[in-house]
Amino acid sequence: MRKLTRRDTLLTFCAAAMPALAKIGGIEIGLCGQAKDFEKAGKWAFDYYEPAVAEIAAMSDADFASFRERVSASRLRCESFNSFIRTLTVVGEKVNRDALTAYLNPALDRSRQLGARIIVWGSAGSRNVPEGFSRDKAWSQIVEFLKYSGDLARSRDIVIAIEPLRKQESNIINTGAEALKLVHDVNHPNVKMIIDYYHLRVEKEDPEIVERARNEIVHFHFANPTGRRWPKSPDEDPVYGQFFAVVKKIGYRGRISIEGQGSLDEDATGSLEFFRKELAG
């Protein structure tokens, strides 16, 4: 029998100390959050971390290098990102293609260096239709933007995922059905969609959309629709059961990110247990 080296012993100790991963039935559970909370999230059994593209893009070179080192030293990777665009617009009379290009290329490069596979495009401010502006033209501009950003993402092996947002946040693309139509209009292999359970419930959309869009859904966000809080109990919402039944029915094998109000210290353990129960079987 081979004698254990000091390195073998250290690796065994580290593996034992590392929390068991949350992955259940082929589904990974992650957490949306700021870069400053990355290390803390690693103390819980999340499978990945989801920061904001806009935050990463705004970092200085030194700050980004530091964060990249922190990610490299962690078992967690940033496999998905949200908040794709914060200050630029893709709809209206003031769309600046050069500014978009200057932002998108380095933002996508940085995201990929941190492990990005999915980038969620919700970013209501970038897509809201100005008052009096043609909605048909706005839709065409969005299609054009997604084809262009899809090309840029494809060169980095990243998929852009369209996120439907409730009407209180966005005046276009509010339902999964609308996002599905947009995916079909764009018709790009690197442009797909996400369902956010919170927005789905606010818009009173039937979870059946998950089955209808099964071939285009690449990601989920999730929060208790009451207060947009981290989920902790099956009794919080009467549609939880129906939603997870559809997720299991379609054989989804991807990621679900918690996105809402909560804290690691108070809610992480309860939320992870919630997903274990809902996704079991």
C-alpha atoms as a PDB file:
ATOM      1  CA  MET A   1       0.000   0.000   0.000  1.00  0.00           C
ATOM      2  CA  ARG A   2       1.323   3.420  -0.966  1.00  0.00           C
ATOM      3  CA  LYS A   3       2.395   5.539   1.977  1.00  0.00           C
ATOM      4  CA  LEU A   4       0.345   8.713   2.352  1.00  0.00           C
ATOM      5  CA  THR A   5       2.348  11.875   1.771  1.00  0.00           C
ATOM      6  CA  ARG A   6       1.823  15.141   3.621  1.00  0.00           C
ATOM      7  CA  ARG A   7       0.113  16.463   0.471  1.00  0.00           C
ATOM      8  CA  ASP A   8      -2.286  13.480   0.394  1.00  0.00           C
ATOM      9  CA  THR A   9      -3.181  14.087   4.026  1.00  0.00           C
ATOM     10  CA  LEU A  10      -3.780  17.791   3.419  1.00  0.00           C
ATOM     11  CA  LEU A  11      -6.017  17.117   0.401  1.00  0.00           C
ATOM     12  CA  THR A  12      -8.025  14.566   2.368  1.00  0.00           C
ATOM     13  CA  PHE A  13      -8.496  17.038   5.216  1.00  0.00           C
ATOM     14  CA  CYS A  14      -9.593  19.790   2.844  1.00  0.00           C
ATOM     15  CA  ALA A  15     -12.092  17.513   1.121  1.00  0.00           C
ATOM     16  CA  ALA A  16     -13.574  16.515   4.449  1.00  0.00           C
ATOM     17  CA  ALA A  17     -13.847  20.115   5.571  1.00  0.00           C
ATOM     18  CA  MET A  18     -15.541  21.232   2.341  1.00  0.00           C
ATOM     19  CA  PRO A  19     -19.342  21.342   2.524  1.00  0.00           C
ATOM     20  CA  ALA A  20     -21.229  18.766   0.469  1.00  0.00           C
ATOM     21  CA  LEU A  21     -22.392  20.241  -2.785  1.00  0.00           C
ATOM     22  CA  ALA A  22     -26.045  21.074  -3.288  1.00  0.00           C
ATOM     23  CA  LYS A  23     -26.369  19.444  -6.719  1.00  0.00           C
ATOM     24  CA  ILE A  24     -29.548  17.387  -6.752  1.00  0.00           C
ATOM     25  CA  GLY A  25     -30.612  15.110  -9.570  1.00  0.00           C
ATOM     26  CA  GLY A  26     -28.308  16.831 -12.049  1.00  0.00           C
ATOM     27  CA  ILE A  27     -29.413  20.329 -11.038  1.00  0.00           C
ATOM     28  CA  GLU A  28     -26.897  22.735  -9.523  1.00  0.00           C
ATOM     29  CA  ILE A  29     -27.978  25.299  -6.924  1.00  0.00           C
ATOM     30  CA  GLY A  30     -26.230  28.653  -6.906  1.00  0.00           C
ATOM     31  CA  LEU A  31     -26.484  32.101  -5.406  1.00  0.00           C
ATOM     32  CA  CYS A  32     -26.684  35.561  -6.976  1.00  0.00           C
ATOM     33  CA  GLY A  33     -24.575  38.098  -5.122  1.00  0.00           C
ATOM     34  CA  GLN A  34     -21.874  40.732  -5.051  1.00  0.00           C
ATOM     35  CA  ALA A  35     -18.186  40.005  -5.470  1.00  0.00           C
ATOM     36  CA  LYS A  36     -17.506  40.968  -1.860  1.00  0.00           C
ATOM     37  CA  ASP A  37     -19.592  38.016  -0.622  1.00  0.00           C
ATOM     38  CA  PHE A  38     -17.950  35.405  -2.839  1.00  0.00           C
ATOM     39  CA  GLU A  39     -15.721  33.770  -0.213  1.00  0.00           C
ATOM     40  CA  LYS A  40     -18.481  33.717   2.365  1.00  0.00           C
ATOM     41  CA  ALA A  41     -20.778  31.861  -0.022  1.00  0.00           C
ATOM     42  CA  GLY A  42     -18.150  29.153  -0.326  1.00  0.00           C
ATOM     43  CA  LYS A  43     -18.735  28.165   3.287  1.00  0.00           C
ATOM     44  CA  TRP A  44     -22.159  26.818   2.335  1.00  0.00           C
ATOM     45  CA  ALA A  45     -22.963  23.987  -0.057  1.00  0.00           C
ATOM     46  CA  PHE A  46     -23.676  26.031  -3.164  1.00  0.00           C
ATOM     47  CA  ASP A  47     -22.467  24.648  -6.482  1.00  0.00           C
ATOM     48  CA  TYR A  48     -21.565  27.980  -8.070  1.00  0.00           C
ATOM     49  CA  TYR A  49     -21.808  31.753  -7.604  1.00  0.00           C
ATOM     50  CA  GLU A  50     -23.605  34.252  -9.854  1.00  0.00           C
ATOM     51  CA  PRO A  51     -22.258  37.830  -9.792  1.00  0.00           C
ATOM     52  CA  ALA A  52     -23.222  40.777 -11.987  1.00  0.00           C
ATOM     53  CA  VAL A  53     -21.462  41.326 -15.298  1.00  0.00           C
ATOM     54  CA  ALA A  54     -21.802  45.067 -14.774  1.00  0.00           C
ATOM     55  CA  GLU A  55     -19.952  44.883 -11.449  1.00  0.00           C
ATOM     56  CA  ILE A  56     -17.136  42.806 -12.926  1.00  0.00           C
ATOM     57  CA  ALA A  57     -16.870  45.077 -15.964  1.00  0.00           C
ATOM     58  CA  ALA A  58     -16.580  48.195 -13.774  1.00  0.00           C
ATOM     59  CA  MET A  59     -13.637  46.841 -11.748  1.00  0.00           C
ATOM     60  CA  SER A  60     -10.187  48.271 -12.256  1.00  0.00           C
ATOM     61  CA  ASP A  61      -7.650  45.887 -13.787  1.00  0.00           C
ATOM     62  CA  ALA A  62      -6.089  45.380 -10.370  1.00  0.00           C
ATOM     63  CA  ASP A  63      -9.408  44.704  -8.644  1.00  0.00           C
ATOM     64  CA  PHE A  64     -10.446  42.273 -11.348  1.00  0.00           C
ATOM     65  CA  ALA A  65      -7.127  40.428 -11.148  1.00  0.00           C
ATOM     66  CA  SER A  66      -7.597  40.144  -7.389  1.00  0.00           C
ATOM     67  CA  PHE A  67     -11.127  38.783  -7.768  1.00  0.00           C
ATOM     68  CA  ARG A  68     -10.014  36.339 -10.447  1.00  0.00           C
ATOM     69  CA  GLU A  69      -7.368  35.008  -8.058  1.00  0.00           C
ATOM     70  CA  ARG A  70      -9.991  34.615  -5.339  1.00  0.00           C
ATOM     71  CA  VAL A  71     -12.213  32.658  -7.692  1.00  0.00           C
ATOM     72  CA  SER A  72      -9.303  30.475  -8.856  1.00  0.00           C
ATOM     73  CA  ALA A  73      -8.461  29.640  -5.234  1.00  0.00           C
ATOM     74  CA  SER A  74     -12.045  28.613  -4.452  1.00  0.00           C
ATOM     75  CA  ARG A  75     -14.004  25.444  -5.202  1.00  0.00           C
ATOM     76  CA  LEU A  76     -16.775  27.767  -6.475  1.00  0.00           C
ATOM     77  CA  ARG A  77     -16.811  29.100 -10.002  1.00  0.00           C
ATOM     78  CA  CYS A  78     -18.874  31.898 -11.509  1.00  0.00           C
ATOM     79  CA  GLU A  79     -20.686  29.726 -14.029  1.00  0.00           C
ATOM     80  CA  SER A  80     -23.530  32.179 -14.565  1.00  0.00           C
ATOM     81  CA  PHE A  81     -23.820  35.970 -14.454  1.00  0.00           C
ATOM     82  CA  ASN A  82     -26.672  38.471 -14.304  1.00  0.00           C
ATOM     83  CA  SER A  83     -27.075  42.238 -14.757  1.00  0.00           C
ATOM     84  CA  PHE A  84     -25.557  42.144 -18.234  1.00  0.00           C
ATOM     85  CA  ILE A  85     -25.925  45.874 -18.980  1.00  0.00           C
ATOM     86  CA  ARG A  86     -26.620  48.734 -16.566  1.00  0.00           C
ATOM     87  CA  THR A  87     -25.822  52.068 -18.178  1.00  0.00           C
ATOM     88  CA  LEU A  88     -26.268  51.529 -21.923  1.00  0.00           C
ATOM     89  CA  THR A  89     -29.440  51.079 -23.940  1.00  0.00           C
ATOM     90  CA  VAL A  90     -30.322  48.814 -26.858  1.00  0.00           C
ATOM     91  CA  VAL A  91     -33.716  50.413 -27.581  1.00  0.00           C
ATOM     92  CA  GLY A  92     -34.689  53.915 -28.702  1.00  0.00           C
ATOM     93  CA  GLU A  93     -33.142  56.779 -30.615  1.00  0.00           C
ATOM     94  CA  LYS A  94     -29.960  56.931 -28.512  1.00  0.00           C
ATOM     95  CA  VAL A  95     -28.529  53.446 -29.108  1.00  0.00           C
ATOM     96  CA  ASN A  96     -24.753  53.740 -29.420  1.00  0.00           C
ATOM     97  CA  ARG A  97     -23.397  50.633 -31.164  1.00  0.00           C
ATOM     98  CA  ASP A  98     -19.769  51.667 -30.691  1.00  0.00           C
ATOM     99  CA  ALA A  99     -20.257  52.140 -26.953  1.00  0.00           C
ATOM    100  CA  LEU A 100     -22.009  48.772 -26.714  1.00  0.00           C
ATOM    101  CA  THR A 101     -19.144  47.064 -28.517  1.00  0.00           C
ATOM    102  CA  ALA A 102     -16.571  48.774 -26.314  1.00  0.00           C
ATOM    103  CA  TYR A 103     -18.443  47.504 -23.245  1.00  0.00           C
ATOM    104  CA  LEU A 104     -19.440  44.024 -24.390  1.00  0.00           C
ATOM    105  CA  ASN A 105     -16.073  42.691 -25.514  1.00  0.00           C
ATOM    106  CA  PRO A 106     -14.133  43.229 -22.276  1.00  0.00           C
ATOM    107  CA  ALA A 107     -17.199  42.382 -20.163  1.00  0.00           C
ATOM    108  CA  LEU A 108     -17.591  39.029 -21.907  1.00  0.00           C
ATOM    109  CA  ASP A 109     -13.839  38.373 -21.710  1.00  0.00           C
ATOM    110  CA  ARG A 110     -13.784  38.967 -17.967  1.00  0.00           C
ATOM    111  CA  SER A 111     -16.883  36.885 -17.384  1.00  0.00           C
ATOM    112  CA  ARG A 112     -15.399  33.974 -19.323  1.00  0.00           C
ATOM    113  CA  GLN A 113     -12.166  34.149 -17.341  1.00  0.00           C
ATOM    114  CA  LEU A 114     -14.229  33.607 -14.196  1.00  0.00           C
ATOM    115  CA  GLY A 115     -15.981  30.559 -15.630  1.00  0.00           C
ATOM    116  CA  ALA A 116     -19.075  32.008 -17.327  1.00  0.00           C
ATOM    117  CA  ARG A 117     -21.298  29.692 -19.353  1.00  0.00           C
ATOM    118  CA  ILE A 118     -24.544  31.653 -19.013  1.00  0.00           C
ATOM    119  CA  ILE A 119     -25.109  35.414 -18.935  1.00  0.00           C
ATOM    120  CA  VAL A 120     -28.621  36.519 -18.004  1.00  0.00           C
ATOM    121  CA  TRP A 121     -29.983  39.548 -19.836  1.00  0.00           C
ATOM    122  CA  GLY A 122     -32.697  41.106 -17.717  1.00  0.00           C
ATOM    123  CA  SER A 123     -31.296  44.628 -17.520  1.00  0.00           C
ATOM    124  CA  ALA A 124     -34.623  46.467 -17.689  1.00  0.00           C
ATOM    125  CA  GLY A 125     -32.979  49.863 -18.107  1.00  0.00           C
ATOM    126  CA  SER A 126     -31.252  48.723 -21.286  1.00  0.00           C
ATOM    127  CA  ARG A 127     -34.413  47.525 -22.994  1.00  0.00           C
ATOM    128  CA  ASN A 128     -37.331  49.616 -21.719  1.00  0.00           C
ATOM    129  CA  VAL A 129     -39.209  51.225 -24.599  1.00  0.00           C
ATOM    130  CA  PRO A 130     -39.200  55.054 -24.412  1.00  0.00           C
ATOM    131  CA  GLU A 131     -42.605  56.713 -24.282  1.00  0.00           C
ATOM    132  CA  GLY A 132     -43.977  57.249 -27.764  1.00  0.00           C
ATOM    133  CA  PHE A 133     -41.362  55.007 -29.386  1.00  0.00           C
ATOM    134  CA  SER A 134     -42.559  52.290 -31.777  1.00  0.00           C
ATOM    135  CA  ARG A 135     -42.791  48.946 -29.977  1.00  0.00           C
ATOM    136  CA  ASP A 136     -42.304  47.120 -33.270  1.00  0.00           C
ATOM    137  CA  LYS A 137     -39.077  49.011 -33.866  1.00  0.00           C
ATOM    138  CA  ALA A 138     -38.019  48.377 -30.257  1.00  0.00           C
ATOM    139  CA  TRP A 139     -38.563  44.652 -30.783  1.00  0.00           C
ATOM    140  CA  SER A 140     -36.486  44.771 -33.974  1.00  0.00           C
ATOM    141  CA  GLN A 141     -33.701  46.608 -32.130  1.00  0.00           C
ATOM    142  CA  ILE A 142     -33.722  43.964 -29.399  1.00  0.00           C
ATOM    143  CA  VAL A 143     -33.518  41.193 -31.995  1.00  0.00           C
ATOM    144  CA  GLU A 144     -30.591  42.976 -33.645  1.00  0.00           C
ATOM    145  CA  PHE A 145     -28.824  43.443 -30.308  1.00  0.00           C
ATOM    146  CA  LEU A 146     -29.263  39.787 -29.359  1.00  0.00           C
ATOM    147  CA  LYS A 147     -27.972  38.549 -32.713  1.00  0.00           C
ATOM    148  CA  TYR A 148     -24.927  40.767 -32.304  1.00  0.00           C
ATOM    149  CA  SER A 149     -24.258  39.919 -28.655  1.00  0.00           C
ATOM    150  CA  GLY A 150     -24.937  36.262 -29.475  1.00  0.00           C
ATOM    151  CA  ASP A 151     -22.113  36.350 -32.019  1.00  0.00           C
ATOM    152  CA  LEU A 152     -19.779  37.898 -29.458  1.00  0.00           C
ATOM    153  CA  ALA A 153     -20.840  35.362 -26.823  1.00  0.00           C
ATOM    154  CA  ARG A 154     -20.425  32.444 -29.218  1.00  0.00           C
ATOM    155  CA  SER A 155     -16.751  33.250 -29.711  1.00  0.00           C
ATOM    156  CA  ARG A 156     -16.331  32.822 -25.951  1.00  0.00           C
ATOM    157  CA  ASP A 157     -18.519  29.721 -25.570  1.00  0.00           C
ATOM    158  CA  ILE A 158     -21.135  31.690 -23.587  1.00  0.00           C
ATOM    159  CA  VAL A 159     -24.918  31.676 -23.949  1.00  0.00           C
ATOM    160  CA  ILE A 160     -26.988  34.853 -23.487  1.00  0.00           C
ATOM    161  CA  ALA A 161     -30.226  34.053 -21.638  1.00  0.00           C
ATOM    162  CA  ILE A 162     -33.200  36.403 -22.051  1.00  0.00           C
ATOM    163  CA  GLU A 163     -34.984  37.042 -18.745  1.00  0.00           C
ATOM    164  CA  PRO A 164     -38.678  37.977 -18.648  1.00  0.00           C
ATOM    165  CA  LEU A 165     -39.248  40.686 -16.029  1.00  0.00           C
ATOM    166  CA  ARG A 166     -42.437  41.785 -14.273  1.00  0.00           C
ATOM    167  CA  LYS A 167     -44.184  44.875 -15.635  1.00  0.00           C
ATOM    168  CA  GLN A 168     -43.159  46.904 -12.576  1.00  0.00           C
ATOM    169  CA  GLU A 169     -39.564  46.686 -13.838  1.00  0.00           C
ATOM    170  CA  SER A 170     -39.782  46.398 -17.603  1.00  0.00           C
ATOM    171  CA  ASN A 171     -42.317  47.478 -20.203  1.00  0.00           C
ATOM    172  CA  ILE A 172     -41.318  44.752 -22.670  1.00  0.00           C
ATOM    173  CA  ILE A 173     -40.631  40.982 -22.458  1.00  0.00           C
ATOM    174  CA  ASN A 174     -42.646  40.323 -19.307  1.00  0.00           C
ATOM    175  CA  THR A 175     -43.512  36.652 -19.701  1.00  0.00           C
ATOM    176  CA  GLY A 176     -41.855  33.399 -20.606  1.00  0.00           C
ATOM    177  CA  ALA A 177     -44.097  33.211 -23.668  1.00  0.00           C
ATOM    178  CA  GLU A 178     -42.736  36.557 -24.905  1.00  0.00           C
ATOM    179  CA  ALA A 179     -39.164  35.481 -24.207  1.00  0.00           C
ATOM    180  CA  LEU A 180     -39.775  32.267 -26.143  1.00  0.00           C
ATOM    181  CA  LYS A 181     -41.068  34.222 -29.137  1.00  0.00           C
ATOM    182  CA  LEU A 182     -37.989  36.438 -28.942  1.00  0.00           C
ATOM    183  CA  VAL A 183     -35.661  33.426 -28.863  1.00  0.00           C
ATOM    184  CA  HIS A 184     -37.343  32.118 -32.007  1.00  0.00           C
ATOM    185  CA  ASP A 185     -37.151  35.526 -33.722  1.00  0.00           C
ATOM    186  CA  VAL A 186     -33.448  35.853 -32.916  1.00  0.00           C
ATOM    187  CA  ASN A 187     -32.754  32.261 -33.965  1.00  0.00           C
ATOM    188  CA  HIS A 188     -29.195  32.180 -32.681  1.00  0.00           C
ATOM    189  CA  PRO A 189     -27.554  29.127 -31.060  1.00  0.00           C
ATOM    190  CA  ASN A 190     -26.090  31.276 -28.278  1.00  0.00           C
ATOM    191  CA  VAL A 191     -29.282  33.136 -27.402  1.00  0.00           C
ATOM    192  CA  LYS A 192     -31.698  31.234 -25.166  1.00  0.00           C
ATOM    193  CA  MET A 193     -33.905  32.122 -22.183  1.00  0.00           C
ATOM    194  CA  ILE A 194     -34.349  31.926 -18.435  1.00  0.00           C
ATOM    195  CA  ILE A 195     -37.420  31.676 -16.231  1.00  0.00           C
ATOM    196  CA  ASP A 196     -37.353  33.612 -12.960  1.00  0.00           C
ATOM    197  CA  TYR A 197     -39.941  32.107 -10.616  1.00  0.00           C
ATOM    198  CA  TYR A 198     -40.549  35.435  -8.867  1.00  0.00           C
ATOM    199  CA  HIS A 199     -41.403  37.239 -12.114  1.00  0.00           C
ATOM    200  CA  LEU A 200     -43.450  34.289 -13.350  1.00  0.00           C
ATOM    201  CA  ARG A 201     -45.641  34.415 -10.239  1.00  0.00           C
ATOM    202  CA  VAL A 202     -46.038  38.207 -10.239  1.00  0.00           C
ATOM    203  CA  GLU A 203     -47.157  38.025 -13.869  1.00  0.00           C
ATOM    204  CA  LYS A 204     -49.435  35.084 -12.996  1.00  0.00           C
ATOM    205  CA  GLU A 205     -47.979  32.986 -15.787  1.00  0.00           C
ATOM    206  CA  ASP A 206     -48.731  29.266 -15.782  1.00  0.00           C
ATOM    207  CA  PRO A 207     -45.637  27.122 -14.971  1.00  0.00           C
ATOM    208  CA  GLU A 208     -46.620  25.140 -18.066  1.00  0.00           C
ATOM    209  CA  ILE A 209     -44.433  27.623 -19.969  1.00  0.00           C
ATOM    210  CA  VAL A 210     -41.433  25.710 -18.597  1.00  0.00           C
ATOM    211  CA  GLU A 211     -42.517  22.608 -20.497  1.00  0.00           C
ATOM    212  CA  ARG A 212     -43.424  24.575 -23.618  1.00  0.00           C
ATOM    213  CA  ALA A 213     -40.033  26.315 -23.652  1.00  0.00           C
ATOM    214  CA  ARG A 214     -38.075  23.297 -22.463  1.00  0.00           C
ATOM    215  CA  ASN A 215     -35.728  23.305 -25.465  1.00  0.00           C
ATOM    216  CA  GLU A 216     -34.803  26.979 -24.995  1.00  0.00           C
ATOM    217  CA  ILE A 217     -34.549  27.309 -21.189  1.00  0.00           C
ATOM    218  CA  VAL A 218     -30.945  27.221 -19.997  1.00  0.00           C
ATOM    219  CA  HIS A 219     -31.246  28.682 -16.502  1.00  0.00           C
ATOM    220  CA  PHE A 220     -33.598  29.560 -13.636  1.00  0.00           C
ATOM    221  CA  HIS A 221     -33.727  32.254 -10.966  1.00  0.00           C
ATOM    222  CA  PHE A 222     -35.796  31.635  -7.873  1.00  0.00           C
ATOM    223  CA  ALA A 223     -37.264  33.538  -4.937  1.00  0.00           C
ATOM    224  CA  ASN A 224     -40.299  33.297  -2.686  1.00  0.00           C
ATOM    225  CA  PRO A 225     -42.814  35.568  -4.482  1.00  0.00           C
ATOM    226  CA  THR A 226     -43.975  36.954  -1.144  1.00  0.00           C
ATOM    227  CA  GLY A 227     -41.386  39.594  -0.361  1.00  0.00           C
ATOM    228  CA  ARG A 228     -38.963  38.253  -2.976  1.00  0.00           C
ATOM    229  CA  ARG A 229     -37.100  36.406  -0.262  1.00  0.00           C
ATOM    230  CA  TRP A 230     -34.944  33.299  -0.287  1.00  0.00           C
ATOM    231  CA  PRO A 231     -37.283  30.281  -0.275  1.00  0.00           C
ATOM    232  CA  LYS A 232     -37.273  28.126   2.849  1.00  0.00           C
ATOM    233  CA  SER A 233     -40.579  26.255   3.092  1.00  0.00           C
ATOM    234  CA  PRO A 234     -42.820  24.365   0.611  1.00  0.00           C
ATOM    235  CA  ASP A 235     -45.785  26.072   2.267  1.00  0.00           C
ATOM    236  CA  GLU A 236     -44.740  29.592   1.231  1.00  0.00           C
ATOM    237  CA  ASP A 237     -46.412  29.483  -2.163  1.00  0.00           C
ATOM    238  CA  PRO A 238     -49.139  27.161  -3.520  1.00  0.00           C
ATOM    239  CA  VAL A 239     -47.514  26.907  -6.965  1.00  0.00           C
ATOM    240  CA  TYR A 240     -44.116  25.640  -5.797  1.00  0.00           C
ATOM    241  CA  GLY A 241     -45.186  22.027  -6.228  1.00  0.00           C
ATOM    242  CA  GLN A 242     -46.523  22.511  -9.748  1.00  0.00           C
ATOM    243  CA  PHE A 243     -43.408  24.380 -10.816  1.00  0.00           C
ATOM    244  CA  PHE A 244     -40.948  21.797  -9.552  1.00  0.00           C
ATOM    245  CA  ALA A 245     -43.059  18.985 -10.964  1.00  0.00           C
ATOM    246  CA  VAL A 246     -42.664  20.518 -14.437  1.00  0.00           C
ATOM    247  CA  VAL A 247     -38.927  21.094 -13.899  1.00  0.00           C
ATOM    248  CA  LYS A 248     -38.506  17.408 -13.057  1.00  0.00           C
ATOM    249  CA  LYS A 249     -40.850  16.302 -15.841  1.00  0.00           C
ATOM    250  CA  ILE A 250     -38.748  17.924 -18.567  1.00  0.00           C
ATOM    251  CA  GLY A 251     -35.581  16.364 -17.155  1.00  0.00           C
ATOM    252  CA  TYR A 252     -33.921  19.722 -16.601  1.00  0.00           C
ATOM    253  CA  ARG A 253     -30.181  19.439 -15.977  1.00  0.00           C
ATOM    254  CA  GLY A 254     -28.838  22.902 -15.378  1.00  0.00           C
ATOM    255  CA  ARG A 255     -28.650  25.608 -12.749  1.00  0.00           C
ATOM    256  CA  ILE A 256     -31.085  27.324 -10.393  1.00  0.00           C
ATOM    257  CA  SER A 257     -29.853  30.525  -8.733  1.00  0.00           C
ATOM    258  CA  ILE A 258     -31.383  32.033  -5.608  1.00  0.00           C
ATOM    259  CA  GLU A 259     -31.996  35.718  -6.290  1.00  0.00           C
ATOM    260  CA  GLY A 260     -33.796  37.704  -3.642  1.00  0.00           C
ATOM    261  CA  GLN A 261     -33.702  39.210  -0.183  1.00  0.00           C
ATOM    262  CA  GLY A 262     -31.896  37.113   2.386  1.00  0.00           C
ATOM    263  CA  SER A 263     -28.585  36.444   4.082  1.00  0.00           C
ATOM    264  CA  LEU A 264     -26.145  33.583   4.102  1.00  0.00           C
ATOM    265  CA  ASP A 265     -26.032  33.352   7.872  1.00  0.00           C
ATOM    266  CA  GLU A 266     -29.801  33.314   8.356  1.00  0.00           C
ATOM    267  CA  ASP A 267     -31.154  31.722   5.189  1.00  0.00           C
ATOM    268  CA  ALA A 268     -28.559  29.626   3.322  1.00  0.00           C
ATOM    269  CA  THR A 269     -29.066  26.381   5.215  1.00  0.00           C
ATOM    270  CA  GLY A 270     -32.858  26.612   5.042  1.00  0.00           C
ATOM    271  CA  SER A 271     -32.882  27.493   1.340  1.00  0.00           C
ATOM    272  CA  LEU A 272     -30.570  24.653   0.386  1.00  0.00           C
ATOM    273  CA  GLU A 273     -32.729  22.205   2.332  1.00  0.00           C
ATOM    274  CA  PHE A 274     -35.796  23.604   0.562  1.00  0.00           C
ATOM    275  CA  PHE A 275     -34.316  22.769  -2.845  1.00  0.00           C
ATOM    276  CA  ARG A 276     -33.242  19.312  -1.698  1.00  0.00           C
ATOM    277  CA  LYS A 277     -36.823  18.539  -0.721  1.00  0.00           C
ATOM    278  CA  GLU A 278     -38.472  20.083  -3.777  1.00  0.00           C
ATOM    279  CA  LEU A 279     -36.126  18.466  -6.292  1.00  0.00           C
ATOM    280  CA  ALA A 280     -35.931  15.042  -4.658  1.00  0.00           C
ATOM    281  CA  GLY A 281     -37.478  12.091  -6.441  1.00  0.00           C
END
